[in-house]
């Protein structure tokens, strides 16, 4: 089940509009920090596209489980 809009908005504010990925296997050191635009959620064609992702894989409806990821990092997760 996806995150509630409330949780996504909280995670978006926490991210400061930047990708929160910390996976060094994605080709970045520490945090990705790619600049994102709020209106581009779900847009996998835009350089500013992003999605809310579950850290646990269970989509627990809480801020601790929700991370904001750019589409480049989301794509990398598909191949793990």
C-alpha atoms as a PDB file:
ATOM      1  CA  UNK A   1       0.000   0.000   0.000  1.00  0.00           C
ATOM      2  CA  UNK A   2       1.439   3.429  -0.898  1.00  0.00           C
ATOM      3  CA  UNK A   3       2.239   6.126   1.625  1.00  0.00           C
ATOM      4  CA  UNK A   4      -0.444   8.607   2.613  1.00  0.00           C
ATOM      5  CA  UNK A   5      -0.141  12.059   1.079  1.00  0.00           C
ATOM      6  CA  UNK A   6       0.539  13.428   4.562  1.00  0.00           C
ATOM      7  CA  UNK A   7       3.612  11.199   4.963  1.00  0.00           C
ATOM      8  CA  UNK A   8       4.865  12.014   1.456  1.00  0.00           C
ATOM      9  CA  UNK A   9       4.525  15.751   2.111  1.00  0.00           C
ATOM     10  CA  UNK A  10       6.453  15.408   5.382  1.00  0.00           C
ATOM     11  CA  UNK A  11       9.201  13.424   3.626  1.00  0.00           C
ATOM     12  CA  UNK A  12       9.301  15.972   0.794  1.00  0.00           C
ATOM     13  CA  UNK A  13       9.785  18.827   3.276  1.00  0.00           C
ATOM     14  CA  UNK A  14      12.511  16.874   5.084  1.00  0.00           C
ATOM     15  CA  UNK A  15      14.328  16.219   1.780  1.00  0.00           C
ATOM     16  CA  UNK A  16      14.435  19.902   0.882  1.00  0.00           C
ATOM     17  CA  UNK A  17      13.511  18.942  -2.683  1.00  0.00           C
ATOM     18  CA  UNK A  18      16.549  16.698  -3.135  1.00  0.00           C
ATOM     19  CA  UNK A  19      17.083  12.971  -3.566  1.00  0.00           C
ATOM     20  CA  UNK A  20      17.767  11.267  -0.227  1.00  0.00           C
ATOM     21  CA  UNK A  21      19.462   8.148  -1.620  1.00  0.00           C
ATOM     22  CA  UNK A  22      22.526   7.096   0.395  1.00  0.00           C
ATOM     23  CA  UNK A  23      23.354   3.944  -1.598  1.00  0.00           C
ATOM     24  CA  UNK A  24      26.973   4.277  -2.743  1.00  0.00           C
ATOM     25  CA  UNK A  25      26.365   1.485  -5.273  1.00  0.00           C
ATOM     26  CA  UNK A  26      24.362   4.039  -7.295  1.00  0.00           C
ATOM     27  CA  UNK A  27      27.463   5.953  -8.324  1.00  0.00           C
ATOM     28  CA  UNK A  28      27.308   8.795  -5.838  1.00  0.00           C
ATOM     29  CA  UNK A  29      29.198   9.279  -2.609  1.00  0.00           C
ATOM     30  CA  UNK A  30      27.131   9.745   0.521  1.00  0.00           C
ATOM     31  CA  UNK A  31      23.768  11.261  -0.484  1.00  0.00           C
ATOM     32  CA  UNK A  32      22.656  11.728  -4.101  1.00  0.00           C
ATOM     33  CA  UNK A  33      21.133  15.194  -3.413  1.00  0.00           C
ATOM     34  CA  UNK A  34      19.867  15.599  -6.998  1.00  0.00           C
ATOM     35  CA  UNK A  35      17.535  18.608  -7.267  1.00  0.00           C
ATOM     36  CA  UNK A  36      13.868  17.623  -7.704  1.00  0.00           C
ATOM     37  CA  UNK A  37      10.638  19.531  -8.304  1.00  0.00           C
ATOM     38  CA  UNK A  38       7.550  18.745  -6.245  1.00  0.00           C
ATOM     39  CA  UNK A  39       5.195  18.841  -9.240  1.00  0.00           C
ATOM     40  CA  UNK A  40       7.225  16.138 -10.998  1.00  0.00           C
ATOM     41  CA  UNK A  41       6.348  13.280  -8.654  1.00  0.00           C
ATOM     42  CA  UNK A  42       5.945  10.114 -10.714  1.00  0.00           C
ATOM     43  CA  UNK A  43       7.450  11.679 -13.865  1.00  0.00           C
ATOM     44  CA  UNK A  44      10.136   9.228 -14.929  1.00  0.00           C
ATOM     45  CA  UNK A  45      10.890  11.252 -18.093  1.00  0.00           C
ATOM     46  CA  UNK A  46      11.942  14.471 -16.359  1.00  0.00           C
ATOM     47  CA  UNK A  47      15.349  15.238 -14.872  1.00  0.00           C
ATOM     48  CA  UNK A  48      13.401  16.547 -11.864  1.00  0.00           C
ATOM     49  CA  UNK A  49      11.139  13.504 -11.436  1.00  0.00           C
ATOM     50  CA  UNK A  50      10.959  11.604  -8.170  1.00  0.00           C
ATOM     51  CA  UNK A  51       8.961   9.131  -6.099  1.00  0.00           C
ATOM     52  CA  UNK A  52       8.447   8.225  -2.456  1.00  0.00           C
ATOM     53  CA  UNK A  53      10.114   4.898  -1.694  1.00  0.00           C
ATOM     54  CA  UNK A  54       9.856   2.530   1.257  1.00  0.00           C
ATOM     55  CA  UNK A  55      13.142   1.858   3.051  1.00  0.00           C
ATOM     56  CA  UNK A  56      11.738  -1.363   4.529  1.00  0.00           C
ATOM     57  CA  UNK A  57       9.838  -2.520   1.449  1.00  0.00           C
ATOM     58  CA  UNK A  58       6.677  -2.778   3.545  1.00  0.00           C
ATOM     59  CA  UNK A  59       5.423   0.797   2.976  1.00  0.00           C
ATOM     60  CA  UNK A  60       4.908   1.400   6.666  1.00  0.00           C
ATOM     61  CA  UNK A  61       2.881   4.586   6.853  1.00  0.00           C
ATOM     62  CA  UNK A  62       5.450   6.600   8.804  1.00  0.00           C
ATOM     63  CA  UNK A  63       8.047   9.216   7.992  1.00  0.00           C
ATOM     64  CA  UNK A  64      10.963   7.004   9.059  1.00  0.00           C
ATOM     65  CA  UNK A  65      10.159   4.443   6.322  1.00  0.00           C
ATOM     66  CA  UNK A  66       9.638   6.994   3.539  1.00  0.00           C
ATOM     67  CA  UNK A  67      12.499   8.345   1.446  1.00  0.00           C
ATOM     68  CA  UNK A  68      12.374  10.678  -1.543  1.00  0.00           C
ATOM     69  CA  UNK A  69      14.319   9.300  -4.509  1.00  0.00           C
ATOM     70  CA  UNK A  70      15.071  10.664  -7.969  1.00  0.00           C
ATOM     71  CA  UNK A  71      14.186   8.405 -10.886  1.00  0.00           C
ATOM     72  CA  UNK A  72      17.823   7.559 -11.530  1.00  0.00           C
ATOM     73  CA  UNK A  73      18.099   6.078  -8.037  1.00  0.00           C
ATOM     74  CA  UNK A  74      14.672   4.418  -8.332  1.00  0.00           C
ATOM     75  CA  UNK A  75      15.848   2.717 -11.541  1.00  0.00           C
ATOM     76  CA  UNK A  76      19.000   1.483  -9.803  1.00  0.00           C
ATOM     77  CA  UNK A  77      16.834  -0.221  -7.162  1.00  0.00           C
ATOM     78  CA  UNK A  78      15.099  -2.272  -9.847  1.00  0.00           C
ATOM     79  CA  UNK A  79      18.335  -4.088 -10.594  1.00  0.00           C
ATOM     80  CA  UNK A  80      19.278  -5.020  -7.037  1.00  0.00           C
END
